[in-house]
N, C-alpha and C. Protein backbone atom coordinates (compact mmCIF):
# COMPACT_ATOMS: atom_id res chain seq x y z
N UNK A 1 94.70 85.96 91.78
CA UNK A 1 95.61 84.87 91.43
C UNK A 1 96.42 85.20 90.19
N UNK A 2 95.79 85.89 89.23
CA UNK A 2 96.52 86.27 88.01
C UNK A 2 97.70 87.17 88.35
N UNK A 3 97.45 88.14 89.23
CA UNK A 3 98.51 89.07 89.63
C UNK A 3 99.62 88.32 90.36
N UNK A 4 99.22 87.39 91.24
CA UNK A 4 100.23 86.61 91.98
C UNK A 4 101.06 85.76 91.03
N UNK A 5 100.41 85.15 90.05
CA UNK A 5 101.15 84.31 89.10
C UNK A 5 102.10 85.15 88.24
N UNK A 6 101.66 86.33 87.83
CA UNK A 6 102.54 87.21 87.05
C UNK A 6 103.76 87.61 87.88
N UNK A 7 103.52 87.96 89.15
CA UNK A 7 104.62 88.33 90.04
C UNK A 7 105.56 87.15 90.25
N UNK A 8 105.00 85.95 90.40
CA UNK A 8 105.81 84.75 90.61
C UNK A 8 106.68 84.46 89.39
N UNK A 9 106.11 84.61 88.20
CA UNK A 9 106.87 84.39 86.97
C UNK A 9 108.01 85.39 86.86
N UNK A 10 107.71 86.66 87.18
CA UNK A 10 108.75 87.70 87.11
C UNK A 10 109.90 87.39 88.07
N UNK A 11 109.57 86.95 89.28
CA UNK A 11 110.61 86.63 90.27
C UNK A 11 111.43 85.43 89.81
N UNK A 12 110.76 84.42 89.30
CA UNK A 12 111.47 83.21 88.86
C UNK A 12 112.38 83.50 87.67
N UNK A 13 111.94 84.36 86.77
CA UNK A 13 112.80 84.75 85.65
C UNK A 13 114.02 85.53 86.15
N UNK A 14 113.79 86.41 87.13
CA UNK A 14 114.90 87.16 87.71
C UNK A 14 115.89 86.21 88.37
N UNK A 15 115.36 85.22 89.09
CA UNK A 15 116.22 84.24 89.76
C UNK A 15 117.06 83.48 88.74
N UNK A 16 116.47 83.19 87.59
CA UNK A 16 117.17 82.45 86.55
C UNK A 16 118.38 83.22 86.04
N UNK A 17 118.21 84.52 85.84
CA UNK A 17 119.29 85.34 85.29
C UNK A 17 120.29 85.78 86.35
N UNK A 18 119.83 85.91 87.60
CA UNK A 18 120.71 86.39 88.66
C UNK A 18 121.55 85.27 89.28
N UNK A 19 121.16 84.02 89.02
CA UNK A 19 121.92 82.86 89.49
C UNK A 19 122.07 82.86 91.01
N UNK A 20 120.93 82.85 91.70
CA UNK A 20 120.94 82.81 93.16
C UNK A 20 121.31 81.41 93.62
N UNK A 21 121.64 81.28 94.90
CA UNK A 21 122.02 79.98 95.43
C UNK A 21 120.80 79.08 95.59
N UNK A 22 121.04 77.80 95.81
CA UNK A 22 119.94 76.84 95.96
C UNK A 22 119.08 77.17 97.18
N UNK A 23 119.73 77.56 98.29
CA UNK A 23 118.98 77.91 99.50
C UNK A 23 118.11 79.14 99.27
N UNK A 24 118.67 80.15 98.60
CA UNK A 24 117.90 81.36 98.32
C UNK A 24 116.72 81.05 97.41
N UNK A 25 116.93 80.19 96.42
CA UNK A 25 115.83 79.80 95.53
C UNK A 25 114.74 79.08 96.30
N UNK A 26 115.15 78.19 97.22
CA UNK A 26 114.17 77.44 98.02
C UNK A 26 113.33 78.38 98.87
N UNK A 27 113.97 79.38 99.48
CA UNK A 27 113.25 80.34 100.32
C UNK A 27 112.28 81.18 99.49
N UNK A 28 112.71 81.58 98.30
CA UNK A 28 111.82 82.35 97.42
C UNK A 28 110.65 81.49 96.97
N UNK A 29 110.93 80.24 96.61
CA UNK A 29 109.86 79.34 96.16
C UNK A 29 108.84 79.11 97.27
N UNK A 30 109.31 78.91 98.50
CA UNK A 30 108.39 78.71 99.63
C UNK A 30 107.55 79.97 99.88
N UNK A 31 108.16 81.13 99.73
CA UNK A 31 107.42 82.39 99.91
C UNK A 31 106.32 82.53 98.86
N UNK A 32 106.66 82.21 97.62
CA UNK A 32 105.68 82.29 96.53
C UNK A 32 104.54 81.30 96.77
N UNK A 33 104.88 80.08 97.16
CA UNK A 33 103.85 79.06 97.41
C UNK A 33 102.96 79.45 98.58
N UNK A 34 103.54 80.11 99.61
CA UNK A 34 102.74 80.54 100.76
C UNK A 34 101.69 81.56 100.34
N UNK A 35 102.07 82.49 99.47
CA UNK A 35 101.13 83.50 98.99
C UNK A 35 100.02 82.85 98.16
N UNK A 36 100.40 81.94 97.27
CA UNK A 36 99.41 81.27 96.42
C UNK A 36 98.45 80.43 97.26
N UNK A 37 98.97 79.73 98.27
CA UNK A 37 98.11 78.93 99.14
C UNK A 37 97.16 79.82 99.94
N UNK A 38 97.68 80.95 100.43
CA UNK A 38 96.82 81.88 101.18
C UNK A 38 95.71 82.42 100.30
N UNK A 39 96.01 82.70 99.04
CA UNK A 39 95.00 83.19 98.11
C UNK A 39 93.95 82.13 97.83
N UNK A 40 94.37 80.89 97.73
CA UNK A 40 93.42 79.79 97.49
C UNK A 40 92.51 79.59 98.70
N UNK A 41 93.08 79.64 99.92
CA UNK A 41 92.26 79.54 101.13
C UNK A 41 91.28 80.72 101.20
N UNK A 42 91.74 81.90 100.81
CA UNK A 42 90.87 83.07 100.81
C UNK A 42 89.68 82.87 99.87
N UNK A 43 89.97 82.35 98.69
CA UNK A 43 88.89 82.09 97.71
C UNK A 43 87.91 81.05 98.25
N UNK A 44 88.45 80.00 98.87
CA UNK A 44 87.58 78.96 99.42
C UNK A 44 86.68 79.51 100.53
N UNK A 45 87.25 80.31 101.42
CA UNK A 45 86.47 80.89 102.51
C UNK A 45 85.38 81.82 101.96
N UNK A 46 85.72 82.62 100.96
CA UNK A 46 84.73 83.51 100.37
C UNK A 46 83.59 82.73 99.74
N UNK A 47 83.92 81.63 99.06
CA UNK A 47 82.88 80.81 98.43
C UNK A 47 81.96 80.20 99.48
N UNK A 48 82.52 79.69 100.56
CA UNK A 48 81.72 79.08 101.62
C UNK A 48 80.84 80.12 102.30
N UNK A 49 81.39 81.29 102.57
CA UNK A 49 80.61 82.36 103.21
C UNK A 49 79.45 82.79 102.31
N UNK A 50 79.71 82.93 101.01
CA UNK A 50 78.63 83.30 100.07
C UNK A 50 77.55 82.23 100.02
N UNK A 51 77.98 80.97 100.16
CA UNK A 51 77.01 79.86 100.13
C UNK A 51 76.15 79.86 101.38
N UNK A 52 76.77 80.06 102.53
CA UNK A 52 76.05 80.00 103.81
C UNK A 52 75.25 81.28 104.05
N UNK A 53 75.83 82.42 103.66
CA UNK A 53 75.19 83.71 103.94
C UNK A 53 75.15 84.57 102.68
N UNK A 54 74.19 84.30 101.77
CA UNK A 54 74.11 85.09 100.52
C UNK A 54 73.86 86.57 100.80
N UNK A 55 73.12 86.88 101.86
CA UNK A 55 72.84 88.27 102.22
C UNK A 55 73.97 88.84 103.09
N UNK A 56 74.00 90.16 103.17
CA UNK A 56 75.04 90.80 103.98
C UNK A 56 74.89 90.44 105.45
N UNK A 57 76.02 90.13 106.08
CA UNK A 57 76.02 89.83 107.51
C UNK A 57 77.37 90.30 108.08
N UNK A 58 77.38 90.95 109.24
CA UNK A 58 78.64 91.44 109.83
C UNK A 58 79.67 90.33 110.03
N UNK A 59 79.24 89.16 110.43
CA UNK A 59 80.18 88.05 110.64
C UNK A 59 80.76 87.56 109.31
N UNK A 60 79.95 87.59 108.27
CA UNK A 60 80.46 87.21 106.95
C UNK A 60 81.53 88.19 106.50
N UNK A 61 81.31 89.47 106.77
CA UNK A 61 82.31 90.50 106.43
C UNK A 61 83.61 90.26 107.18
N UNK A 62 83.51 89.94 108.47
CA UNK A 62 84.70 89.68 109.28
C UNK A 62 85.47 88.49 108.72
N UNK A 63 84.75 87.42 108.34
CA UNK A 63 85.40 86.23 107.80
C UNK A 63 86.15 86.55 106.51
N UNK A 64 85.50 87.31 105.61
CA UNK A 64 86.15 87.65 104.34
C UNK A 64 87.33 88.59 104.55
N UNK A 65 87.15 89.58 105.41
CA UNK A 65 88.24 90.53 105.66
C UNK A 65 89.43 89.85 106.30
N UNK A 66 89.16 88.92 107.21
CA UNK A 66 90.26 88.20 107.87
C UNK A 66 91.02 87.33 106.87
N UNK A 67 90.28 86.66 105.99
CA UNK A 67 90.93 85.82 104.97
C UNK A 67 91.77 86.67 104.02
N UNK A 68 91.22 87.83 103.63
CA UNK A 68 91.98 88.72 102.76
C UNK A 68 93.20 89.28 103.49
N UNK A 69 93.06 89.53 104.79
CA UNK A 69 94.19 90.01 105.58
C UNK A 69 95.32 88.98 105.63
N UNK A 70 94.95 87.71 105.68
CA UNK A 70 95.96 86.65 105.68
C UNK A 70 96.77 86.67 104.39
N UNK A 71 96.08 86.92 103.27
CA UNK A 71 96.78 87.03 101.99
C UNK A 71 97.73 88.21 102.00
N UNK A 72 97.26 89.33 102.54
CA UNK A 72 98.11 90.53 102.60
C UNK A 72 99.36 90.29 103.45
N UNK A 73 99.19 89.63 104.59
CA UNK A 73 100.33 89.36 105.47
C UNK A 73 101.33 88.44 104.79
N UNK A 74 100.82 87.40 104.12
CA UNK A 74 101.73 86.47 103.42
C UNK A 74 102.44 87.17 102.27
N UNK A 75 101.74 88.07 101.58
CA UNK A 75 102.36 88.82 100.48
C UNK A 75 103.44 89.76 101.01
N UNK A 76 103.19 90.40 102.15
CA UNK A 76 104.21 91.27 102.77
C UNK A 76 105.43 90.45 103.16
N UNK A 77 105.19 89.26 103.73
CA UNK A 77 106.31 88.40 104.09
C UNK A 77 107.12 87.97 102.89
N UNK A 78 106.42 87.66 101.79
CA UNK A 78 107.12 87.27 100.56
C UNK A 78 107.91 88.45 99.99
N UNK A 79 107.34 89.65 100.09
CA UNK A 79 108.04 90.84 99.59
C UNK A 79 109.32 91.09 100.39
N UNK A 80 109.23 90.93 101.71
CA UNK A 80 110.41 91.11 102.56
C UNK A 80 111.47 90.06 102.24
N UNK A 81 111.04 88.82 102.08
CA UNK A 81 111.97 87.75 101.73
C UNK A 81 112.62 88.02 100.37
N UNK A 82 111.82 88.45 99.41
CA UNK A 82 112.35 88.75 98.08
C UNK A 82 113.36 89.87 98.12
N UNK A 83 113.07 90.91 98.91
CA UNK A 83 114.01 92.02 99.00
C UNK A 83 115.32 91.59 99.65
N UNK A 84 115.23 90.85 100.75
CA UNK A 84 116.44 90.44 101.47
C UNK A 84 117.34 89.55 100.60
N UNK A 85 116.72 88.74 99.75
CA UNK A 85 117.51 87.82 98.91
C UNK A 85 117.99 88.50 97.63
N UNK A 86 117.10 89.24 96.97
CA UNK A 86 117.42 89.77 95.64
C UNK A 86 118.11 91.13 95.67
N UNK A 87 118.04 91.83 96.80
CA UNK A 87 118.59 93.19 96.84
C UNK A 87 120.07 93.21 96.49
N UNK A 88 120.83 92.27 97.03
CA UNK A 88 122.28 92.28 96.78
C UNK A 88 122.62 91.99 95.32
N UNK A 89 121.68 91.38 94.60
CA UNK A 89 121.90 91.12 93.17
C UNK A 89 121.41 92.28 92.30
N UNK A 90 120.25 92.85 92.66
CA UNK A 90 119.58 93.83 91.80
C UNK A 90 120.05 95.26 92.09
N UNK A 91 120.21 95.61 93.38
CA UNK A 91 120.50 97.00 93.75
C UNK A 91 121.74 97.58 93.08
N UNK A 92 122.85 96.84 93.01
CA UNK A 92 124.03 97.43 92.33
C UNK A 92 123.75 97.84 90.89
N UNK A 93 123.01 97.00 90.14
CA UNK A 93 122.68 97.34 88.75
C UNK A 93 121.75 98.54 88.69
N UNK A 94 120.77 98.57 89.60
CA UNK A 94 119.82 99.69 89.62
C UNK A 94 120.53 100.98 89.99
N UNK A 95 121.48 100.90 90.93
CA UNK A 95 122.26 102.07 91.30
C UNK A 95 123.08 102.60 90.14
N UNK A 96 123.63 101.70 89.33
CA UNK A 96 124.39 102.12 88.16
C UNK A 96 123.50 102.84 87.14
N UNK A 97 122.28 102.34 86.97
CA UNK A 97 121.34 102.98 86.04
C UNK A 97 121.00 104.39 86.52
N UNK A 98 120.74 104.56 87.82
CA UNK A 98 120.43 105.88 88.35
C UNK A 98 121.63 106.82 88.20
N UNK A 99 122.83 106.29 88.41
CA UNK A 99 124.04 107.11 88.30
C UNK A 99 124.25 107.60 86.87
N UNK A 100 123.77 106.84 85.88
CA UNK A 100 123.93 107.24 84.48
C UNK A 100 123.20 108.55 84.19
N UNK A 101 122.09 108.80 84.88
CA UNK A 101 121.32 110.01 84.63
C UNK A 101 121.87 111.21 85.40
N UNK A 102 122.59 110.95 86.48
CA UNK A 102 123.17 112.05 87.23
C UNK A 102 122.16 112.69 88.18
N UNK A 103 122.65 113.61 88.99
CA UNK A 103 121.81 114.30 89.97
C UNK A 103 121.00 115.41 89.30
N UNK A 104 119.73 115.46 89.64
CA UNK A 104 118.85 116.47 89.05
C UNK A 104 118.97 117.79 89.83
N UNK A 105 118.72 118.91 89.14
CA UNK A 105 118.76 120.21 89.79
C UNK A 105 117.42 120.50 90.45
N UNK A 106 117.45 121.39 91.46
CA UNK A 106 116.22 121.75 92.16
C UNK A 106 115.24 122.44 91.22
N UNK A 107 115.75 123.39 90.42
CA UNK A 107 114.88 124.11 89.49
C UNK A 107 114.31 123.15 88.45
N UNK A 108 115.15 122.25 87.96
CA UNK A 108 114.69 121.28 86.97
C UNK A 108 113.59 120.39 87.52
N UNK A 109 113.70 120.04 88.79
CA UNK A 109 112.67 119.21 89.43
C UNK A 109 111.34 119.94 89.48
N UNK A 110 111.36 121.19 89.92
CA UNK A 110 110.12 121.97 90.00
C UNK A 110 109.52 122.21 88.61
N UNK A 111 110.38 122.52 87.64
CA UNK A 111 109.90 122.76 86.28
C UNK A 111 109.26 121.52 85.69
N UNK A 112 109.88 120.37 85.90
CA UNK A 112 109.36 119.12 85.34
C UNK A 112 107.99 118.78 85.92
N UNK A 113 107.82 118.98 87.24
CA UNK A 113 106.52 118.70 87.86
C UNK A 113 105.45 119.66 87.34
N UNK A 114 105.81 120.94 87.19
CA UNK A 114 104.85 121.91 86.65
C UNK A 114 104.46 121.57 85.22
N UNK A 115 105.44 121.15 84.41
CA UNK A 115 105.13 120.79 83.01
C UNK A 115 104.21 119.58 82.97
N UNK A 116 104.44 118.61 83.86
CA UNK A 116 103.58 117.43 83.93
C UNK A 116 102.14 117.84 84.24
N UNK A 117 101.97 118.72 85.21
CA UNK A 117 100.62 119.18 85.57
C UNK A 117 99.96 119.89 84.38
N UNK A 118 100.72 120.75 83.70
CA UNK A 118 100.17 121.48 82.54
C UNK A 118 99.77 120.52 81.43
N UNK A 119 100.63 119.54 81.15
CA UNK A 119 100.34 118.57 80.09
C UNK A 119 99.07 117.78 80.41
N UNK A 120 98.91 117.38 81.67
CA UNK A 120 97.72 116.62 82.07
C UNK A 120 96.46 117.47 81.86
N UNK A 121 96.51 118.73 82.29
CA UNK A 121 95.35 119.60 82.15
C UNK A 121 95.03 119.85 80.67
N UNK A 122 96.07 120.06 79.86
CA UNK A 122 95.86 120.28 78.42
C UNK A 122 95.23 119.05 77.77
N UNK A 123 95.71 117.86 78.13
CA UNK A 123 95.14 116.63 77.56
C UNK A 123 93.67 116.47 77.94
N UNK A 124 93.35 116.77 79.19
CA UNK A 124 91.95 116.66 79.62
C UNK A 124 91.08 117.68 78.89
N UNK A 125 91.62 118.87 78.70
CA UNK A 125 90.87 119.91 77.99
C UNK A 125 90.69 119.56 76.52
N UNK A 126 91.77 119.03 75.91
CA UNK A 126 91.71 118.70 74.47
C UNK A 126 90.75 117.56 74.20
N UNK A 127 90.68 116.59 75.11
CA UNK A 127 89.80 115.43 74.91
C UNK A 127 88.40 115.66 75.47
N UNK A 128 88.25 116.75 76.25
CA UNK A 128 86.93 117.05 76.81
C UNK A 128 86.48 116.05 77.84
N UNK A 129 87.43 115.45 78.55
CA UNK A 129 87.10 114.45 79.56
C UNK A 129 87.59 114.88 80.92
N UNK A 130 86.77 114.66 81.95
CA UNK A 130 87.16 114.91 83.32
C UNK A 130 87.33 116.37 83.66
N UNK A 131 87.86 116.60 84.86
CA UNK A 131 88.15 117.94 85.37
C UNK A 131 89.65 118.03 85.61
N UNK A 132 90.19 119.23 85.83
CA UNK A 132 91.63 119.36 86.05
C UNK A 132 92.17 118.46 87.16
N UNK A 133 91.38 118.24 88.21
CA UNK A 133 91.85 117.47 89.36
C UNK A 133 91.09 116.16 89.56
N UNK A 134 90.26 115.78 88.60
CA UNK A 134 89.47 114.57 88.77
C UNK A 134 89.04 114.01 87.43
N UNK A 135 89.23 112.68 87.25
CA UNK A 135 88.77 112.00 86.04
C UNK A 135 89.54 112.40 84.81
N UNK A 136 89.05 111.95 83.67
CA UNK A 136 89.67 112.32 82.40
C UNK A 136 90.50 111.22 81.78
N UNK A 137 91.03 111.53 80.60
CA UNK A 137 91.75 110.54 79.80
C UNK A 137 93.03 110.07 80.46
N UNK A 138 93.57 110.90 81.36
CA UNK A 138 94.79 110.49 82.06
C UNK A 138 94.69 110.86 83.53
N UNK A 139 95.32 110.09 84.37
CA UNK A 139 95.28 110.33 85.81
C UNK A 139 96.34 111.35 86.20
N UNK A 140 95.90 112.53 86.64
CA UNK A 140 96.83 113.56 87.08
C UNK A 140 97.57 113.15 88.34
N UNK A 141 96.89 112.44 89.25
CA UNK A 141 97.53 111.98 90.47
C UNK A 141 98.67 111.01 90.15
N UNK A 142 98.42 110.10 89.21
CA UNK A 142 99.47 109.15 88.83
C UNK A 142 100.63 109.87 88.15
N UNK A 143 100.31 110.82 87.29
CA UNK A 143 101.36 111.56 86.58
C UNK A 143 102.26 112.32 87.55
N UNK A 144 101.65 113.06 88.49
CA UNK A 144 102.43 113.84 89.44
C UNK A 144 103.19 112.93 90.40
N UNK A 145 102.54 111.84 90.84
CA UNK A 145 103.19 110.92 91.78
C UNK A 145 104.43 110.28 91.16
N UNK A 146 104.33 109.84 89.91
CA UNK A 146 105.48 109.22 89.24
C UNK A 146 106.52 110.27 88.84
N UNK A 147 106.08 111.49 88.59
CA UNK A 147 107.03 112.57 88.32
C UNK A 147 107.89 112.83 89.56
N UNK A 148 107.24 112.91 90.72
CA UNK A 148 107.98 113.13 91.96
C UNK A 148 108.89 111.95 92.27
N UNK A 149 108.39 110.72 92.06
CA UNK A 149 109.20 109.53 92.32
C UNK A 149 110.44 109.50 91.44
N UNK A 150 110.27 109.90 90.17
CA UNK A 150 111.41 109.95 89.25
C UNK A 150 112.42 111.00 89.70
N UNK A 151 111.93 112.17 90.09
CA UNK A 151 112.82 113.24 90.55
C UNK A 151 113.56 112.84 91.82
N UNK A 152 112.85 112.20 92.74
CA UNK A 152 113.48 111.74 93.98
C UNK A 152 114.57 110.72 93.67
N UNK A 153 114.28 109.81 92.74
CA UNK A 153 115.25 108.78 92.37
C UNK A 153 116.53 109.39 91.82
N UNK A 154 116.38 110.39 90.94
CA UNK A 154 117.55 111.00 90.32
C UNK A 154 118.29 111.93 91.28
N UNK A 155 117.57 112.53 92.22
CA UNK A 155 118.22 113.41 93.19
C UNK A 155 119.00 112.63 94.24
N UNK A 156 118.46 111.51 94.67
CA UNK A 156 119.12 110.72 95.72
C UNK A 156 120.09 109.69 95.14
N UNK A 157 119.73 109.13 93.97
CA UNK A 157 120.48 108.05 93.34
C UNK A 157 120.68 106.88 94.31
N UNK A 158 119.72 106.72 95.20
CA UNK A 158 119.74 105.62 96.16
C UNK A 158 118.69 104.59 95.73
N UNK A 159 119.10 103.36 95.41
CA UNK A 159 118.14 102.36 94.91
C UNK A 159 116.97 102.10 95.85
N UNK A 160 117.23 102.00 97.16
CA UNK A 160 116.15 101.71 98.10
C UNK A 160 115.16 102.86 98.16
N UNK A 161 115.66 104.10 98.26
CA UNK A 161 114.77 105.26 98.30
C UNK A 161 113.98 105.36 97.00
N UNK A 162 114.62 105.03 95.89
CA UNK A 162 113.94 105.06 94.59
C UNK A 162 112.79 104.05 94.56
N UNK A 163 113.06 102.83 95.00
CA UNK A 163 112.02 101.80 95.01
C UNK A 163 110.87 102.18 95.93
N UNK A 164 111.19 102.74 97.10
CA UNK A 164 110.13 103.16 98.02
C UNK A 164 109.31 104.30 97.42
N UNK A 165 109.98 105.21 96.71
CA UNK A 165 109.26 106.34 96.09
C UNK A 165 108.31 105.85 95.01
N UNK A 166 108.78 104.92 94.18
CA UNK A 166 107.91 104.39 93.13
C UNK A 166 106.80 103.51 93.72
N UNK A 167 107.08 102.85 94.85
CA UNK A 167 106.03 102.07 95.52
C UNK A 167 104.94 103.00 96.02
N UNK A 168 105.35 104.14 96.59
CA UNK A 168 104.37 105.12 97.07
C UNK A 168 103.56 105.69 95.90
N UNK A 169 104.24 105.96 94.79
CA UNK A 169 103.54 106.47 93.60
C UNK A 169 102.53 105.45 93.08
N UNK A 170 102.91 104.18 93.14
CA UNK A 170 102.00 103.11 92.72
C UNK A 170 100.79 103.03 93.63
N UNK A 171 100.99 103.20 94.93
CA UNK A 171 99.89 103.18 95.88
C UNK A 171 98.93 104.35 95.64
N UNK A 172 99.49 105.53 95.37
CA UNK A 172 98.65 106.70 95.06
C UNK A 172 97.82 106.43 93.81
N UNK A 173 98.46 105.86 92.79
CA UNK A 173 97.76 105.56 91.54
C UNK A 173 96.70 104.50 91.75
N UNK A 174 97.03 103.49 92.56
CA UNK A 174 96.07 102.40 92.81
C UNK A 174 94.83 102.90 93.53
N UNK A 175 95.01 103.91 94.39
CA UNK A 175 93.86 104.46 95.11
C UNK A 175 92.84 105.07 94.14
N UNK A 176 93.33 105.65 93.04
CA UNK A 176 92.43 106.22 92.04
C UNK A 176 91.64 105.13 91.32
N UNK A 177 92.26 103.96 91.23
CA UNK A 177 91.58 102.82 90.60
C UNK A 177 90.54 102.25 91.55
N UNK A 178 90.87 102.18 92.84
CA UNK A 178 89.96 101.60 93.82
C UNK A 178 88.68 102.42 93.97
N UNK A 179 88.81 103.75 93.92
CA UNK A 179 87.61 104.59 94.06
C UNK A 179 86.95 104.87 92.71
N UNK A 180 87.44 104.20 91.68
CA UNK A 180 86.83 104.20 90.34
C UNK A 180 86.75 105.58 89.70
N UNK A 181 87.76 106.39 89.97
CA UNK A 181 87.84 107.68 89.29
C UNK A 181 88.54 107.51 87.95
N UNK A 182 89.48 106.57 87.89
CA UNK A 182 90.22 106.31 86.66
C UNK A 182 90.27 104.81 86.36
N UNK A 183 90.46 104.49 85.09
CA UNK A 183 90.67 103.11 84.68
C UNK A 183 92.16 102.79 84.75
N UNK A 184 92.47 101.52 84.64
CA UNK A 184 93.88 101.11 84.66
C UNK A 184 94.64 101.74 83.50
N UNK A 185 94.01 101.83 82.33
CA UNK A 185 94.64 102.45 81.16
C UNK A 185 94.98 103.91 81.42
N UNK A 186 94.05 104.65 82.03
CA UNK A 186 94.29 106.07 82.32
C UNK A 186 95.41 106.26 83.34
N UNK A 187 95.49 105.33 84.29
CA UNK A 187 96.55 105.41 85.30
C UNK A 187 97.91 105.12 84.68
N UNK A 188 97.97 104.11 83.81
CA UNK A 188 99.23 103.78 83.14
C UNK A 188 99.70 104.94 82.26
N UNK A 189 98.76 105.55 81.54
CA UNK A 189 99.11 106.72 80.71
C UNK A 189 99.66 107.84 81.57
N UNK A 190 99.00 108.10 82.69
CA UNK A 190 99.48 109.15 83.59
C UNK A 190 100.87 108.86 84.14
N UNK A 191 101.09 107.61 84.55
CA UNK A 191 102.40 107.23 85.08
C UNK A 191 103.49 107.39 84.03
N UNK A 192 103.20 107.01 82.80
CA UNK A 192 104.18 107.15 81.72
C UNK A 192 104.47 108.62 81.42
N UNK A 193 103.42 109.45 81.41
CA UNK A 193 103.60 110.88 81.15
C UNK A 193 104.49 111.50 82.23
N UNK A 194 104.18 111.21 83.49
CA UNK A 194 104.95 111.77 84.59
C UNK A 194 106.41 111.35 84.57
N UNK A 195 106.66 110.08 84.30
CA UNK A 195 108.03 109.55 84.30
C UNK A 195 108.83 110.08 83.12
N UNK A 196 108.26 109.99 81.91
CA UNK A 196 109.00 110.37 80.70
C UNK A 196 109.29 111.85 80.66
N UNK A 197 108.29 112.70 80.95
CA UNK A 197 108.50 114.14 80.92
C UNK A 197 109.55 114.56 81.94
N UNK A 198 109.48 113.99 83.12
CA UNK A 198 110.45 114.34 84.16
C UNK A 198 111.86 113.94 83.75
N UNK A 199 112.02 112.76 83.18
CA UNK A 199 113.34 112.33 82.70
C UNK A 199 113.87 113.28 81.63
N UNK A 200 113.02 113.62 80.67
CA UNK A 200 113.46 114.48 79.57
C UNK A 200 113.83 115.88 80.06
N UNK A 201 112.99 116.46 80.90
CA UNK A 201 113.24 117.82 81.39
C UNK A 201 114.51 117.87 82.22
N UNK A 202 114.68 116.90 83.11
CA UNK A 202 115.87 116.89 83.96
C UNK A 202 117.14 116.67 83.16
N UNK A 203 117.05 115.88 82.11
CA UNK A 203 118.23 115.68 81.27
C UNK A 203 118.57 116.95 80.47
N UNK A 204 117.54 117.67 80.05
CA UNK A 204 117.78 118.95 79.35
C UNK A 204 118.43 119.96 80.28
N UNK A 205 117.96 120.03 81.52
CA UNK A 205 118.57 120.93 82.50
C UNK A 205 120.00 120.53 82.78
N UNK A 206 120.26 119.23 82.79
CA UNK A 206 121.63 118.76 83.03
C UNK A 206 122.54 119.12 81.88
N UNK A 207 122.04 119.03 80.65
CA UNK A 207 122.85 119.31 79.47
C UNK A 207 123.17 120.79 79.34
N UNK A 208 122.20 121.66 79.67
CA UNK A 208 122.38 123.09 79.43
C UNK A 208 122.62 123.89 80.69
N UNK A 209 122.84 123.19 81.80
CA UNK A 209 123.10 123.90 83.06
C UNK A 209 124.50 124.52 83.04
């Protein structure tokens, strides 16, 4: 619910500044309310199942998974609605931001990803945490995923492809959190390292190419 509320606040603030129409605002509000209601029903079902069946039971698992699936479906619907309504307002600005950085070179892209990998390994070695490909003070998977997403964004300069690339990078990073190899802090550090280093390296290649 906390994540849903944060997302709802972000969307409502965006709507305030983008000055969407009344109909568009109503559709966004209904989408947000549908997700929140689905999450509340999910919580209620989980509480009832835990009360009736404190021990593990296959039917209890099905009930919880189905309720969680309903939340996922409603969230996907809200995401689609948000994109269809907000894309025409946000995409032009995002495209202008990508155009400011210019197209990245192929060599610069490869160099930036290699530097990100080296920096991650050096940090893990310096702090004595984790292994080169697992665990440690920073998530190497998140760093490389966001490095690639940044490079793809600058090479294509297409807002939709950029958003999809960063969404994929976020999913890769989230998987490391789900299997408890990294903490949220380590993933955020990795994502920042991958994004910032890639931006800096590609800009240097652009300046001295």
